[in-house]
Amino acid sequence: MRNISRSGLLFTAEQQHPTSTKIELTFALPKVIREEPPGTVYCQGEIVRTMVFAADADRHAIAVRIVDYEFMRTQASPAGGQEVGER
């Protein structure tokens, strides 16, 4: 991931994908708020631009407009692992 905001994101990939392609992404957010567990974000988006990544000609920069997203908090399970909690 190169850049992310509420309305879109930019990442690199080995393959180029056509604009208007619908994609789904899931990624974990670090714990940044005191006393709050980390979270996971599920996004639905659409590719709006692709280009050859300047630092590496074998990679493509892909810009995605986020259409919808859902934020899910993770809760620590009693065994010390992580499980998905509230949406």
N, C-alpha and C. Protein backbone atom coordinates (compact mmCIF):
# COMPACT_ATOMS: atom_id res chain seq x y z
N MET A 1 0.86 -1.16 0.00
CA MET A 1 0.00 0.00 0.00
C MET A 1 0.91 1.23 0.00
N ARG A 2 0.64 2.13 -0.88
CA ARG A 2 1.45 3.34 -0.99
C ARG A 2 0.79 4.53 -0.30
N ASN A 3 -0.53 4.61 -0.39
CA ASN A 3 -1.26 5.76 0.14
C ASN A 3 -2.72 5.34 0.33
N ILE A 4 -3.34 5.86 1.39
CA ILE A 4 -4.74 5.53 1.64
C ILE A 4 -5.44 6.72 2.27
N SER A 5 -6.70 6.90 1.91
CA SER A 5 -7.54 7.92 2.52
C SER A 5 -8.95 7.35 2.60
N ARG A 6 -9.87 8.12 3.11
CA ARG A 6 -11.26 7.66 3.21
C ARG A 6 -11.89 7.44 1.84
N SER A 7 -11.43 8.17 0.83
CA SER A 7 -12.07 8.08 -0.49
C SER A 7 -11.34 7.19 -1.49
N GLY A 8 -10.10 6.78 -1.19
CA GLY A 8 -9.38 5.96 -2.14
C GLY A 8 -8.04 5.49 -1.63
N LEU A 9 -7.38 4.70 -2.47
CA LEU A 9 -6.07 4.21 -2.11
C LEU A 9 -5.23 3.97 -3.34
N LEU A 10 -3.93 3.90 -3.11
CA LEU A 10 -2.97 3.65 -4.18
C LEU A 10 -2.06 2.52 -3.72
N PHE A 11 -1.92 1.48 -4.55
CA PHE A 11 -1.04 0.37 -4.21
C PHE A 11 -0.33 -0.09 -5.46
N THR A 12 0.69 -0.93 -5.29
CA THR A 12 1.41 -1.47 -6.43
C THR A 12 1.10 -2.95 -6.59
N ALA A 13 1.15 -3.41 -7.83
CA ALA A 13 0.86 -4.81 -8.15
C ALA A 13 1.75 -5.24 -9.30
N GLU A 14 1.92 -6.54 -9.44
CA GLU A 14 2.73 -7.07 -10.53
C GLU A 14 2.01 -7.04 -11.87
N GLN A 15 0.68 -7.04 -11.83
CA GLN A 15 -0.10 -7.02 -13.06
C GLN A 15 -0.88 -5.73 -13.17
N GLN A 16 -1.07 -5.28 -14.41
CA GLN A 16 -1.93 -4.13 -14.65
C GLN A 16 -3.36 -4.64 -14.75
N HIS A 17 -4.30 -3.83 -14.27
CA HIS A 17 -5.71 -4.19 -14.32
C HIS A 17 -6.46 -3.06 -15.00
N PRO A 18 -7.50 -3.36 -15.77
CA PRO A 18 -8.24 -2.32 -16.48
C PRO A 18 -8.99 -1.38 -15.53
N THR A 19 -9.14 -0.15 -15.96
CA THR A 19 -9.96 0.79 -15.19
C THR A 19 -11.40 0.27 -15.18
N SER A 20 -12.16 0.69 -14.21
CA SER A 20 -13.54 0.27 -13.98
C SER A 20 -13.66 -1.14 -13.40
N THR A 21 -12.54 -1.83 -13.16
CA THR A 21 -12.58 -3.15 -12.54
C THR A 21 -13.01 -3.00 -11.09
N LYS A 22 -13.98 -3.78 -10.66
CA LYS A 22 -14.45 -3.78 -9.28
C LYS A 22 -13.53 -4.68 -8.46
N ILE A 23 -13.11 -4.22 -7.27
CA ILE A 23 -12.24 -5.03 -6.43
C ILE A 23 -12.72 -4.99 -4.98
N GLU A 24 -12.29 -5.97 -4.21
CA GLU A 24 -12.55 -6.03 -2.78
C GLU A 24 -11.21 -6.14 -2.08
N LEU A 25 -11.04 -5.40 -1.00
CA LEU A 25 -9.79 -5.39 -0.24
C LEU A 25 -10.10 -5.53 1.24
N THR A 26 -9.24 -6.23 1.95
CA THR A 26 -9.33 -6.32 3.39
C THR A 26 -7.95 -6.06 3.95
N PHE A 27 -7.85 -5.19 4.95
CA PHE A 27 -6.56 -4.93 5.57
C PHE A 27 -6.73 -4.59 7.04
N ALA A 28 -5.66 -4.83 7.78
CA ALA A 28 -5.67 -4.61 9.22
C ALA A 28 -5.12 -3.22 9.52
N LEU A 29 -5.73 -2.56 10.49
CA LEU A 29 -5.24 -1.28 10.97
C LEU A 29 -4.51 -1.49 12.29
N PRO A 30 -3.44 -0.74 12.53
CA PRO A 30 -2.74 -0.88 13.80
C PRO A 30 -3.54 -0.25 14.94
N LYS A 31 -3.22 -0.63 16.14
CA LYS A 31 -3.86 -0.03 17.32
C LYS A 31 -3.33 1.39 17.46
N VAL A 32 -4.22 2.38 17.35
CA VAL A 32 -3.78 3.78 17.44
C VAL A 32 -4.53 4.55 18.52
N ILE A 33 -5.64 4.02 18.98
CA ILE A 33 -6.43 4.71 20.00
C ILE A 33 -6.24 3.97 21.32
N ARG A 34 -5.87 4.69 22.30
CA ARG A 34 -5.65 4.12 23.63
C ARG A 34 -6.89 3.33 24.07
N GLU A 35 -6.66 2.17 24.61
CA GLU A 35 -7.70 1.29 25.16
C GLU A 35 -8.66 0.73 24.10
N GLU A 36 -8.38 0.91 22.85
CA GLU A 36 -9.22 0.35 21.79
C GLU A 36 -8.46 -0.76 21.09
N PRO A 37 -9.11 -1.89 20.77
CA PRO A 37 -8.43 -2.96 20.04
C PRO A 37 -8.19 -2.54 18.58
N PRO A 38 -7.24 -3.19 17.91
CA PRO A 38 -7.01 -2.87 16.50
C PRO A 38 -8.24 -3.24 15.67
N GLY A 39 -8.25 -2.82 14.43
CA GLY A 39 -9.41 -3.08 13.58
C GLY A 39 -9.03 -3.61 12.22
N THR A 40 -10.03 -4.08 11.51
CA THR A 40 -9.89 -4.55 10.14
C THR A 40 -10.86 -3.75 9.29
N VAL A 41 -10.43 -3.39 8.08
CA VAL A 41 -11.28 -2.66 7.16
C VAL A 41 -11.52 -3.52 5.93
N TYR A 42 -12.79 -3.67 5.57
CA TYR A 42 -13.20 -4.37 4.35
C TYR A 42 -13.71 -3.30 3.40
N CYS A 43 -13.12 -3.23 2.21
CA CYS A 43 -13.48 -2.19 1.23
C CYS A 43 -13.95 -2.80 -0.08
N GLN A 44 -14.88 -2.11 -0.70
CA GLN A 44 -15.26 -2.38 -2.08
C GLN A 44 -14.88 -1.14 -2.87
N GLY A 45 -14.24 -1.34 -4.01
CA GLY A 45 -13.79 -0.19 -4.77
C GLY A 45 -13.78 -0.45 -6.26
N GLU A 46 -13.32 0.57 -6.98
CA GLU A 46 -13.25 0.52 -8.43
C GLU A 46 -11.92 1.13 -8.86
N ILE A 47 -11.21 0.43 -9.74
CA ILE A 47 -9.94 0.96 -10.26
C ILE A 47 -10.23 2.15 -11.16
N VAL A 48 -9.58 3.28 -10.87
CA VAL A 48 -9.80 4.48 -11.65
C VAL A 48 -8.58 4.87 -12.48
N ARG A 49 -7.40 4.32 -12.13
CA ARG A 49 -6.19 4.67 -12.88
C ARG A 49 -5.12 3.62 -12.63
N THR A 50 -4.35 3.30 -13.68
CA THR A 50 -3.18 2.45 -13.53
C THR A 50 -2.03 3.08 -14.29
N MET A 51 -0.82 2.85 -13.80
CA MET A 51 0.37 3.37 -14.47
C MET A 51 1.56 2.52 -14.06
N VAL A 52 2.63 2.56 -14.85
CA VAL A 52 3.85 1.86 -14.48
C VAL A 52 4.43 2.58 -13.27
N PHE A 53 4.81 1.82 -12.25
CA PHE A 53 5.38 2.38 -11.03
C PHE A 53 6.77 2.92 -11.36
N ALA A 54 7.03 4.18 -11.06
CA ALA A 54 8.27 4.84 -11.44
C ALA A 54 9.52 4.15 -10.90
N ALA A 55 9.46 3.59 -9.70
CA ALA A 55 10.64 2.99 -9.08
C ALA A 55 10.94 1.57 -9.60
N ASP A 56 9.99 0.94 -10.30
CA ASP A 56 10.17 -0.44 -10.74
C ASP A 56 9.27 -0.69 -11.95
N ALA A 57 9.87 -0.84 -13.11
CA ALA A 57 9.10 -0.99 -14.35
C ALA A 57 8.28 -2.28 -14.41
N ASP A 58 8.56 -3.25 -13.53
CA ASP A 58 7.80 -4.50 -13.50
C ASP A 58 6.59 -4.43 -12.59
N ARG A 59 6.36 -3.29 -11.97
CA ARG A 59 5.22 -3.12 -11.06
C ARG A 59 4.32 -2.01 -11.59
N HIS A 60 3.05 -2.08 -11.25
CA HIS A 60 2.08 -1.09 -11.68
C HIS A 60 1.46 -0.40 -10.46
N ALA A 61 1.32 0.89 -10.54
CA ALA A 61 0.61 1.65 -9.50
C ALA A 61 -0.87 1.62 -9.87
N ILE A 62 -1.71 1.28 -8.91
CA ILE A 62 -3.15 1.17 -9.16
C ILE A 62 -3.89 2.07 -8.18
N ALA A 63 -4.67 2.99 -8.73
CA ALA A 63 -5.47 3.91 -7.91
C ALA A 63 -6.90 3.39 -7.87
N VAL A 64 -7.45 3.31 -6.66
CA VAL A 64 -8.79 2.77 -6.45
C VAL A 64 -9.66 3.80 -5.74
N ARG A 65 -10.86 4.01 -6.24
CA ARG A 65 -11.86 4.83 -5.55
C ARG A 65 -12.66 3.90 -4.66
N ILE A 66 -12.70 4.22 -3.37
CA ILE A 66 -13.47 3.40 -2.43
C ILE A 66 -14.95 3.73 -2.57
N VAL A 67 -15.75 2.72 -2.87
CA VAL A 67 -17.18 2.86 -3.05
C VAL A 67 -17.91 2.66 -1.73
N ASP A 68 -17.45 1.66 -0.96
CA ASP A 68 -18.06 1.35 0.32
C ASP A 68 -17.02 0.69 1.20
N TYR A 69 -17.15 0.84 2.50
CA TYR A 69 -16.24 0.16 3.41
C TYR A 69 -16.94 -0.17 4.71
N GLU A 70 -16.38 -1.13 5.41
CA GLU A 70 -16.91 -1.55 6.69
C GLU A 70 -15.73 -1.71 7.64
N PHE A 71 -15.82 -1.10 8.80
CA PHE A 71 -14.77 -1.16 9.80
C PHE A 71 -15.17 -2.16 10.86
N MET A 72 -14.30 -3.11 11.16
CA MET A 72 -14.60 -4.14 12.15
C MET A 72 -13.53 -4.13 13.22
N ARG A 73 -13.93 -4.00 14.47
CA ARG A 73 -12.98 -4.08 15.60
C ARG A 73 -12.68 -5.54 15.87
N THR A 74 -11.45 -5.82 16.23
CA THR A 74 -11.10 -7.17 16.64
C THR A 74 -11.07 -7.22 18.16
N GLN A 75 -11.48 -8.33 18.69
CA GLN A 75 -11.50 -8.53 20.14
C GLN A 75 -10.50 -9.62 20.48
N ALA A 76 -9.80 -9.46 21.57
CA ALA A 76 -8.90 -10.52 22.03
C ALA A 76 -9.74 -11.66 22.57
N SER A 77 -9.45 -12.86 22.13
CA SER A 77 -10.18 -14.02 22.64
C SER A 77 -9.58 -14.44 23.98
N PRO A 78 -10.30 -15.20 24.79
CA PRO A 78 -9.77 -15.64 26.08
C PRO A 78 -8.45 -16.39 25.98
N ALA A 79 -8.21 -17.08 24.86
CA ALA A 79 -6.98 -17.83 24.69
C ALA A 79 -5.82 -16.95 24.26
N GLY A 80 -6.07 -15.65 24.08
CA GLY A 80 -5.02 -14.73 23.71
C GLY A 80 -4.93 -14.47 22.21
N GLY A 81 -5.75 -15.15 21.40
CA GLY A 81 -5.75 -14.93 19.96
C GLY A 81 -6.64 -13.76 19.61
N GLN A 82 -6.87 -13.56 18.33
CA GLN A 82 -7.73 -12.48 17.86
C GLN A 82 -8.95 -13.07 17.18
N GLU A 83 -10.08 -12.45 17.38
CA GLU A 83 -11.28 -12.85 16.66
C GLU A 83 -12.01 -11.59 16.26
N VAL A 84 -12.70 -11.65 15.13
CA VAL A 84 -13.42 -10.48 14.64
C VAL A 84 -14.60 -10.22 15.53
N GLY A 85 -14.81 -8.96 15.86
CA GLY A 85 -15.91 -8.61 16.76
C GLY A 85 -16.92 -7.72 16.08
N GLU A 86 -17.20 -6.60 16.70
CA GLU A 86 -18.26 -5.69 16.25
C GLU A 86 -17.99 -5.13 14.87
N ARG A 87 -19.07 -4.90 14.15
CA ARG A 87 -18.98 -4.23 12.86
C ARG A 87 -19.54 -2.87 12.98
